[in-house]
Protein backbone atom coordinates (compact mmCIF):
# COMPACT_ATOMS: atom_id res chain seq x y z
CA MET A 1 -9.69 49.62 55.15
CA ALA A 2 -10.50 53.33 55.37
CA THR A 3 -9.29 53.83 51.82
CA ALA A 4 -11.47 51.01 50.58
CA PHE A 5 -14.43 52.55 52.39
CA LEU A 6 -13.88 55.96 50.81
CA ASP A 7 -13.35 54.37 47.41
CA ARG A 8 -16.71 52.64 47.52
CA ARG A 9 -18.54 53.55 44.33
CA VAL A 10 -21.33 52.41 42.08
CA ASP A 11 -20.94 52.21 38.32
CA PRO A 12 -23.10 55.04 36.85
CA SER A 13 -24.35 52.77 34.05
CA THR A 14 -25.64 50.34 36.65
CA THR A 15 -27.49 53.04 38.55
CA MET A 16 -29.11 54.16 35.33
CA ALA A 17 -30.53 50.71 34.81
CA LYS A 18 -31.57 50.02 38.39
CA ASP A 19 -32.61 52.62 40.97
CA ASP A 20 -30.73 51.66 44.12
CA GLY A 21 -31.76 54.88 45.87
CA PHE A 22 -30.06 58.21 45.96
CA TRP A 23 -27.32 57.48 48.52
CA ARG A 24 -26.27 54.25 46.81
CA SER A 25 -26.37 55.70 43.30
CA GLY A 26 -23.13 57.66 43.67
CA HIS A 27 -20.13 58.27 45.94
CA TRP A 28 -21.33 59.89 49.15
CA PRO A 29 -17.89 60.73 50.64
CA THR A 30 -17.24 62.89 47.58
CA LEU A 31 -20.64 64.53 48.02
CA VAL A 32 -19.78 65.33 51.65
CA ALA A 33 -16.35 66.65 50.66
CA ALA A 34 -17.90 68.84 47.96
CA PHE A 35 -20.36 70.27 50.50
CA LEU A 36 -17.67 71.01 53.10
CA TYR A 37 -15.38 72.66 50.54
CA PHE A 38 -18.25 74.72 49.14
CA ASP A 39 -19.50 75.65 52.63
CA LEU A 40 -16.21 77.02 53.96
CA ALA A 41 -15.36 78.67 50.64
CA PHE A 42 -18.66 80.54 50.70
CA MET A 43 -18.03 81.53 54.30
CA VAL A 44 -14.93 83.48 53.30
CA TRP A 45 -16.32 84.60 49.94
CA VAL A 46 -18.82 86.92 51.65
CA LEU A 47 -16.58 87.69 54.64
CA LEU A 48 -16.24 91.36 53.69
CA GLY A 49 -20.01 91.82 54.04
CA PRO A 50 -20.28 91.19 57.81
CA LEU A 51 -17.00 93.07 58.34
CA ALA A 52 -18.00 95.98 56.09
CA PRO A 53 -19.41 98.31 58.79
CA ASP A 54 -16.20 97.99 60.84
CA ILE A 55 -13.93 98.27 57.79
CA ALA A 56 -15.85 101.31 56.55
CA LYS A 57 -15.37 103.10 59.90
CA THR A 58 -11.65 102.35 59.94
CA LEU A 59 -11.01 103.35 56.32
CA HIS A 60 -13.69 106.10 56.11
CA LEU A 61 -15.50 104.60 53.12
CA THR A 62 -18.53 106.12 51.39
CA ALA A 63 -21.77 104.19 50.78
CA ALA A 64 -20.78 103.55 47.16
CA GLN A 65 -17.32 102.36 48.20
CA LYS A 66 -18.87 99.98 50.73
CA GLY A 67 -21.14 98.58 48.03
CA LEU A 68 -18.24 98.11 45.62
CA MET A 69 -16.07 96.53 48.33
CA VAL A 70 -18.60 93.80 49.17
CA ALA A 71 -19.45 93.33 45.48
CA THR A 72 -15.85 92.83 44.29
CA PRO A 73 -15.47 89.23 45.55
CA THR A 74 -18.73 88.42 43.80
CA LEU A 75 -17.56 89.79 40.46
CA ALA A 76 -14.11 88.21 40.76
CA GLY A 77 -15.70 84.90 41.67
CA ALA A 78 -17.99 85.18 38.66
CA PHE A 79 -15.17 85.32 36.12
CA LEU A 80 -12.96 82.87 37.99
CA ARG A 81 -15.78 80.34 37.81
CA VAL A 82 -15.26 80.15 34.06
CA VAL A 83 -11.55 79.50 34.63
CA ASN A 84 -12.36 76.81 37.18
CA GLY A 85 -14.94 75.28 34.88
CA LEU A 86 -12.26 74.91 32.24
CA LEU A 87 -9.82 73.44 34.76
CA VAL A 88 -12.42 70.92 35.96
CA ASP A 89 -12.84 69.51 32.47
CA ARG A 90 -9.09 69.63 31.86
CA ILE A 91 -7.42 68.38 35.05
CA GLY A 92 -10.39 67.12 37.08
CA PRO A 93 -12.42 68.71 39.89
CA LYS A 94 -10.40 67.34 42.81
CA ARG A 95 -7.09 68.87 41.75
CA SER A 96 -8.80 72.10 40.69
CA GLY A 97 -10.37 72.38 44.13
CA ALA A 98 -7.07 71.75 45.92
CA ILE A 99 -5.34 74.53 43.94
CA SER A 100 -8.15 77.00 44.63
CA GLN A 101 -8.17 76.28 48.36
CA MET A 102 -4.42 76.86 48.63
CA ILE A 103 -4.75 80.24 46.89
CA VAL A 104 -7.50 81.38 49.26
CA ILE A 105 -5.70 80.26 52.42
CA GLY A 106 -2.46 81.88 51.25
CA GLY A 107 -4.25 85.13 50.39
CA LEU A 108 -6.02 85.38 53.73
CA LEU A 109 -2.83 84.66 55.65
CA SER A 110 -1.02 87.38 53.69
CA ALA A 111 -3.81 89.91 54.33
CA TRP A 112 -3.75 89.10 58.06
CA LEU A 113 0.02 89.40 58.35
CA LEU A 114 0.44 92.49 56.15
CA GLY A 115 -2.82 94.24 57.03
CA VAL A 116 -5.44 95.87 54.79
CA ASN A 117 -4.98 99.63 55.10
CA SER A 118 -6.78 101.22 52.14
CA PHE A 119 -9.85 100.98 49.94
CA GLY A 120 -7.62 99.60 47.17
CA GLY A 121 -6.40 96.96 49.60
CA THR A 122 -9.98 95.81 50.26
CA LEU A 123 -10.53 95.46 46.50
CA ALA A 124 -7.33 93.40 46.16
CA LEU A 125 -8.48 91.15 48.99
CA GLY A 126 -11.86 90.90 47.28
CA VAL A 127 -10.20 89.51 44.16
CA ILE A 128 -8.45 86.83 46.24
CA LEU A 129 -11.73 85.95 47.93
CA GLY A 130 -13.18 85.56 44.43
CA PHE A 131 -11.28 82.25 44.22
CA ALA A 132 -13.44 81.05 47.11
CA GLY A 133 -16.59 82.07 45.27
CA ALA A 134 -15.34 80.23 42.20
CA SER A 135 -15.50 76.99 44.23
CA PHE A 136 -19.00 76.67 42.87
CA ALA A 137 -17.63 75.60 39.47
CA ILE A 138 -15.62 72.84 41.15
CA ALA A 139 -17.78 71.48 43.96
CA LEU A 140 -20.89 70.98 41.86
CA PRO A 141 -19.35 68.95 39.01
CA LEU A 142 -17.25 67.06 41.58
CA ALA A 143 -20.50 65.79 43.07
CA SER A 144 -22.68 65.80 39.95
CA ARG A 145 -20.55 63.43 37.88
CA TRP A 146 -21.23 60.62 40.36
CA TYR A 147 -25.03 60.74 40.02
CA PRO A 148 -27.52 59.76 37.27
CA PRO A 149 -30.03 62.24 35.74
CA GLU A 150 -32.92 61.26 38.01
CA HIS A 151 -30.88 62.27 41.07
CA GLN A 152 -29.16 65.37 39.68
CA GLY A 153 -31.45 67.79 41.48
CA LYS A 154 -30.79 66.23 44.87
CA ALA A 155 -27.04 65.79 44.33
CA MET A 156 -26.53 69.32 43.05
CA GLY A 157 -28.82 70.66 45.75
CA LEU A 158 -26.95 68.95 48.60
CA ALA A 159 -23.54 69.97 47.30
CA GLY A 160 -24.87 73.46 46.63
CA MET A 161 -26.20 73.74 50.17
CA GLY A 162 -22.68 74.94 50.87
CA ASN A 163 -24.35 78.33 50.38
CA SER A 164 -24.95 77.97 54.11
CA GLY A 165 -21.34 79.04 54.65
CA THR A 166 -22.60 82.59 54.28
CA VAL A 167 -24.53 81.99 57.51
CA LEU A 168 -21.29 81.19 59.35
CA ALA A 169 -19.74 84.45 58.19
CA ALA A 170 -22.76 86.49 59.30
CA LEU A 171 -22.97 84.74 62.68
CA PHE A 172 -19.35 84.73 63.78
CA ALA A 173 -17.39 87.41 61.90
CA PRO A 174 -18.91 90.48 63.66
CA ALA A 175 -18.46 88.98 67.15
CA LEU A 176 -14.88 87.91 66.42
CA ALA A 177 -14.16 91.36 65.00
CA ARG A 178 -15.46 92.91 68.23
CA LEU A 179 -13.15 90.71 70.29
CA PHE A 180 -9.98 90.68 68.19
CA GLY A 181 -10.38 93.33 65.49
CA TRP A 182 -11.63 92.81 61.96
CA ASN A 183 -8.16 92.17 60.49
CA ALA A 184 -7.63 89.25 62.89
CA VAL A 185 -10.77 87.59 61.52
CA LEU A 186 -8.93 87.11 58.22
CA GLY A 187 -6.30 84.99 59.95
CA LEU A 188 -8.78 83.11 62.14
CA ALA A 189 -10.72 82.05 59.03
CA CYS A 190 -7.71 80.03 57.90
CA ILE A 191 -8.17 77.55 60.76
CA PRO A 192 -11.44 75.95 59.55
CA LEU A 193 -10.29 76.33 55.95
CA GLY A 194 -7.18 74.26 56.71
CA ILE A 195 -9.20 71.53 58.44
CA VAL A 196 -11.59 71.23 55.51
CA PHE A 197 -8.68 71.17 53.07
CA VAL A 198 -7.29 68.05 54.78
CA LEU A 199 -10.73 66.38 54.81
CA TYR A 200 -11.23 67.26 51.14
CA LEU A 201 -7.96 65.59 50.14
CA ALA A 202 -8.92 62.46 52.06
CA MET A 203 -12.55 62.10 50.94
CA ALA A 204 -12.98 63.56 47.46
CA LYS A 205 -12.62 61.30 44.40
CA ASP A 206 -12.97 62.16 40.73
CA ALA A 207 -15.78 60.20 39.07
CA PRO A 208 -14.73 57.50 36.56
CA ASN A 209 -17.10 58.75 33.85
CA ALA A 210 -15.46 62.15 33.29
CA PRO A 211 -15.64 63.41 29.69
CA ALA A 212 -12.44 63.33 27.65
CA PRO A 213 -10.50 66.62 27.54
CA LYS A 214 -11.33 68.90 24.61
CA SER A 215 -9.48 71.73 22.95
CA TRP A 216 -9.80 75.08 24.70
CA LEU A 217 -12.13 76.49 22.05
CA GLU A 218 -14.42 73.49 22.32
CA TYR A 219 -15.08 74.34 25.96
CA LEU A 220 -16.94 77.46 24.86
CA HIS A 221 -19.11 75.55 22.39
CA PRO A 222 -22.18 75.67 24.71
CA LEU A 223 -22.31 79.44 24.24
CA LYS A 224 -23.46 78.81 20.68
CA SER A 225 -26.70 77.48 22.15
CA ALA A 226 -29.43 79.89 23.18
CA ASP A 227 -30.31 77.47 25.98
CA ALA A 228 -26.99 78.24 27.68
CA TRP A 229 -27.74 81.95 27.68
CA TRP A 230 -31.23 81.43 29.05
CA LEU A 231 -29.95 79.27 31.91
CA MET A 232 -27.26 81.85 32.66
CA GLY A 233 -29.86 84.60 32.75
CA PHE A 234 -32.13 82.69 35.11
CA TYR A 235 -29.25 81.97 37.48
CA ALA A 236 -28.16 85.62 37.39
CA VAL A 237 -31.48 86.36 39.07
CA THR A 238 -31.73 83.44 41.51
CA PHE A 239 -28.14 83.11 42.68
CA GLY A 240 -27.36 86.76 42.00
CA GLY A 241 -30.19 87.76 44.30
CA PHE A 242 -29.07 85.30 46.97
CA VAL A 243 -25.38 86.21 47.10
CA GLY A 244 -26.00 89.91 46.49
CA LEU A 245 -28.30 90.04 49.50
CA ALA A 246 -25.97 87.90 51.61
CA ALA A 247 -23.15 90.39 51.01
CA SER A 248 -25.27 93.53 51.39
CA LEU A 249 -27.66 92.83 54.25
CA PRO A 250 -25.17 93.68 57.06
CA ILE A 251 -24.74 97.13 55.50
CA TYR A 252 -28.50 97.47 54.95
CA PHE A 253 -29.43 96.59 58.53
CA THR A 254 -26.79 98.87 60.10
CA ASP A 255 -27.54 101.85 57.81
CA GLN A 256 -31.32 101.48 57.53
CA PHE A 257 -32.21 100.57 61.11
CA GLY A 258 -29.09 101.53 63.08
CA LEU A 259 -28.41 97.99 64.31
CA SER A 260 -25.07 97.00 65.81
CA THR A 261 -22.82 94.89 63.61
CA ILE A 262 -23.47 91.82 65.76
CA ILE A 263 -27.28 92.14 65.67
CA ALA A 264 -27.12 92.92 61.93
CA GLY A 265 -25.09 89.73 61.52
CA TYR A 266 -27.74 87.70 63.34
CA CYS A 267 -30.48 89.16 61.13
CA THR A 268 -28.43 88.44 58.02
CA ALA A 269 -27.71 84.90 59.18
CA GLY A 270 -31.42 84.20 59.62
CA CYS A 271 -32.21 85.39 56.11
CA VAL A 272 -29.29 83.57 54.50
CA PHE A 273 -30.00 80.35 56.40
CA ALA A 274 -33.48 80.27 54.90
CA GLY A 275 -32.09 80.49 51.35
CA SER A 276 -29.36 77.93 52.01
CA LEU A 277 -31.68 75.41 53.65
CA VAL A 278 -34.07 75.20 50.74
CA ARG A 279 -31.50 74.80 47.97
CA PRO A 280 -31.54 70.96 48.11
CA LEU A 281 -35.30 71.09 48.58
CA GLY A 282 -35.47 73.20 45.43
CA GLY A 283 -33.51 70.55 43.56
CA ALA A 284 -35.77 67.79 44.90
CA LEU A 285 -38.87 69.83 44.04
CA ALA A 286 -37.57 70.33 40.51
CA ASP A 287 -36.91 66.59 40.21
CA ARG A 288 -40.55 65.99 41.14
CA ILE A 289 -42.46 68.70 39.26
CA GLY A 290 -39.83 69.94 36.77
CA GLY A 291 -37.42 72.84 36.91
CA VAL A 292 -39.62 75.08 34.77
CA LYS A 293 -42.62 74.86 37.10
CA ALA A 294 -40.42 75.38 40.14
CA LEU A 295 -38.77 78.47 38.62
CA THR A 296 -42.14 79.96 37.68
CA GLY A 297 -43.11 80.14 41.33
CA VAL A 298 -39.62 81.28 42.33
CA PHE A 299 -39.61 84.35 40.11
CA LEU A 300 -43.12 85.42 41.14
CA VAL A 301 -42.45 85.12 44.86
CA ALA A 302 -38.98 86.70 44.69
CA ALA A 303 -40.25 89.72 42.74
CA ALA A 304 -43.09 90.30 45.20
CA ALA A 305 -40.81 89.96 48.24
CA LEU A 306 -38.13 92.31 46.90
CA ALA A 307 -40.76 94.88 46.01
CA GLY A 308 -42.08 94.50 49.55
CA VAL A 309 -38.62 95.21 50.99
CA SER A 310 -38.48 98.51 49.14
CA VAL A 311 -41.48 99.83 51.11
CA ALA A 312 -41.01 97.94 54.40
CA PRO A 313 -41.40 100.52 57.20
CA THR A 314 -40.06 98.46 60.11
CA LEU A 315 -37.33 95.93 60.84
CA PRO A 316 -39.79 93.00 61.31
CA ALA A 317 -41.47 93.80 58.01
CA ALA A 318 -38.13 93.97 56.19
CA LEU A 319 -36.95 90.74 57.82
CA GLY A 320 -40.12 88.93 56.77
CA CYS A 321 -39.74 90.07 53.16
CA PHE A 322 -36.06 89.13 53.08
CA VAL A 323 -36.74 85.65 54.44
CA VAL A 324 -39.45 85.05 51.82
CA ALA A 325 -37.15 86.36 49.08
CA MET A 326 -34.28 84.15 50.22
CA LEU A 327 -36.54 81.09 50.41
CA ALA A 328 -37.62 81.69 46.83
CA LEU A 329 -34.13 82.44 45.52
CA GLY A 330 -32.63 79.42 47.29
CA THR A 331 -35.29 77.20 45.74
CA GLY A 332 -34.47 78.75 42.38
CA ASN A 333 -30.77 77.95 42.73
CA GLY A 334 -31.53 74.26 43.11
CA SER A 335 -34.10 74.36 40.31
CA VAL A 336 -31.76 75.87 37.73
CA PHE A 337 -29.18 73.18 38.40
CA GLN A 338 -31.77 70.48 37.96
CA LEU A 339 -32.05 71.73 34.38
CA VAL A 340 -28.38 72.36 33.51
CA PRO A 341 -27.18 68.70 33.49
CA GLN A 342 -30.19 67.63 31.44
CA ARG A 343 -29.24 69.90 28.57
CA PHE A 344 -25.43 69.96 28.92
CA GLN A 345 -24.36 66.69 30.57
CA ALA A 346 -21.24 66.38 28.40
CA GLU A 347 -20.20 69.96 29.19
CA ILE A 348 -21.29 70.06 32.84
CA GLY A 349 -17.95 71.42 34.04
CA VAL A 350 -17.79 74.44 31.76
CA MET A 351 -21.55 75.02 31.99
CA THR A 352 -21.34 75.07 35.76
CA GLY A 353 -18.66 77.72 35.39
CA LEU A 354 -20.61 79.77 32.84
CA VAL A 355 -23.90 79.62 34.72
CA GLY A 356 -22.09 80.31 37.98
CA MET A 357 -20.37 83.29 36.37
CA ALA A 358 -23.74 84.72 35.41
CA GLY A 359 -24.94 84.26 38.98
CA GLY A 360 -21.90 86.12 40.26
CA VAL A 361 -22.47 88.98 37.83
CA GLY A 362 -26.05 89.22 39.08
CA GLY A 363 -24.79 89.34 42.66
CA PHE A 364 -22.23 92.03 41.81
CA TYR A 365 -24.94 94.12 40.19
CA LEU A 366 -27.30 93.87 43.17
CA ALA A 367 -24.65 94.56 45.83
CA SER A 368 -23.05 97.47 43.98
CA SER A 369 -26.37 98.99 42.87
CA LEU A 370 -27.68 99.03 46.44
CA GLY A 371 -24.65 101.06 47.51
CA LEU A 372 -25.07 103.46 44.60
CA ALA A 373 -28.81 103.80 45.24
CA LYS A 374 -28.14 104.69 48.87
CA GLN A 375 -25.53 107.29 47.96
CA LEU A 376 -27.38 108.87 45.01
CA ALA A 377 -31.02 108.56 46.07
CA GLY A 378 -30.62 108.35 49.84
CA SER A 379 -32.51 105.04 49.87
CA PHE A 380 -31.93 101.37 49.07
CA ALA A 381 -35.42 101.08 47.56
CA PRO A 382 -34.55 101.73 43.87
CA GLY A 383 -31.99 98.90 43.91
CA PHE A 384 -34.54 96.42 45.26
CA LEU A 385 -37.24 97.51 42.80
CA ILE A 386 -34.98 97.14 39.77
CA PHE A 387 -33.99 93.63 40.82
CA ALA A 388 -37.66 92.73 41.34
CA ALA A 389 -38.26 93.87 37.75
CA LEU A 390 -35.42 91.62 36.59
CA ALA A 391 -37.14 88.66 38.27
CA MET A 392 -40.31 89.40 36.31
CA ALA A 393 -38.28 89.67 33.09
CA ALA A 394 -36.79 86.24 33.85
CA LEU A 395 -40.30 84.85 34.30
CA ALA A 396 -41.29 86.18 30.88
CA GLY A 397 -38.22 84.55 29.33
CA LEU A 398 -38.99 81.24 31.03
CA ASN A 399 -42.50 81.23 29.58
CA PHE A 400 -40.99 81.93 26.17
CA VAL A 401 -38.66 78.91 26.14
CA LYS A 402 -40.43 76.28 28.23
CA MET A 403 -42.40 74.61 25.42
CA THR A 404 -39.30 74.28 23.25
CA TRP A 405 -37.34 72.75 26.11
CA ARG A 406 -40.03 70.20 26.90
CA ALA A 407 -40.28 69.23 23.23
CA THR A 408 -36.56 68.90 22.51
CA TRP A 409 -34.91 67.68 25.73
CA SER A 410 -35.14 63.92 26.21
CA THR A 411 -33.29 62.78 29.33
CA GLY A 412 -36.24 61.06 30.97
CA ALA A 413 -36.32 63.51 33.89
CA ARG A 414 -38.99 66.18 34.37
CA ILE A 415 -38.36 69.58 32.82
């Protein structure tokens, strides 16, 4: 009976013809499984950020080394997203997700048992955690393939709300590190990861309308389209800003304002929660007014907020700017993925990987550049200002392509 309940599904062609409502238009247990997988994967993806102040003290790391340490999982996750995107289209999202989860759990257990005793060791751990960040390229197509175009923004937004896992890392990792030591946190993280792995195997189902496997070279065909590069660029700003800040804020708050690791974690959690909460709202907003209009506001607000951070004189002022920036960037994450399936429905797996890779590269740039700015200029401000300029460049690019997109895309959903 439980199996029959979890297998309940609606034929996508039927939902295209008759709107039965969002929850009845797809397979909600898979949507829940995708969210849980994404949520816990993101929790461990940014785990080095909340632990960075303690790790840096133990291993005597410089500001630049701290920036590179927290940025490494982001970069590794960026490139592994392309690999996972290929696997999704080749062997299906459910099996791809199971393999990735086993790698992450095994890597964390090994790091806990063997210890991380050098800067090189933190970078090696960062590469393993990149597999968690690459969950993006699995969880989103796992959910997306069950839903018709008019509900893509909401489906991708709800699955993508797994960004909230970064809140869990910021809230609990510093306190657990205080109680048990930061290395023990690596082992403790495997407990919720194991629980979610079991739930994922029980609930997730591959959609029946998956595209037929292609040759390996055909997977990269979308890169021949300028639209793919534009979407990748926009996501490098929205998601790159979100994950780059999520990884870097614990370092920023401890270095800039002298906060304890636990209080810095609470401040980071508040900022990250804002960006995570609005991701599905961003998808729903894009469904209603179009992804282009939503992104226009996103880039303007994000640029202004990041510029404000660079001159914020007090902790409350900086917190306010960060929350506004995260709200905008979270909305932008949902908005970009309202557009991706409209243009690349047949290649949604690989496009999710490519666009996600670009987002990871953007996050790596922001996190590493903030560390370099602090070491070379004595201030984080130049890193924030450059990223604000990138948001304005993205806005200019969006204005350049929006008329062409509206004239040539014909899915029936708003653009």
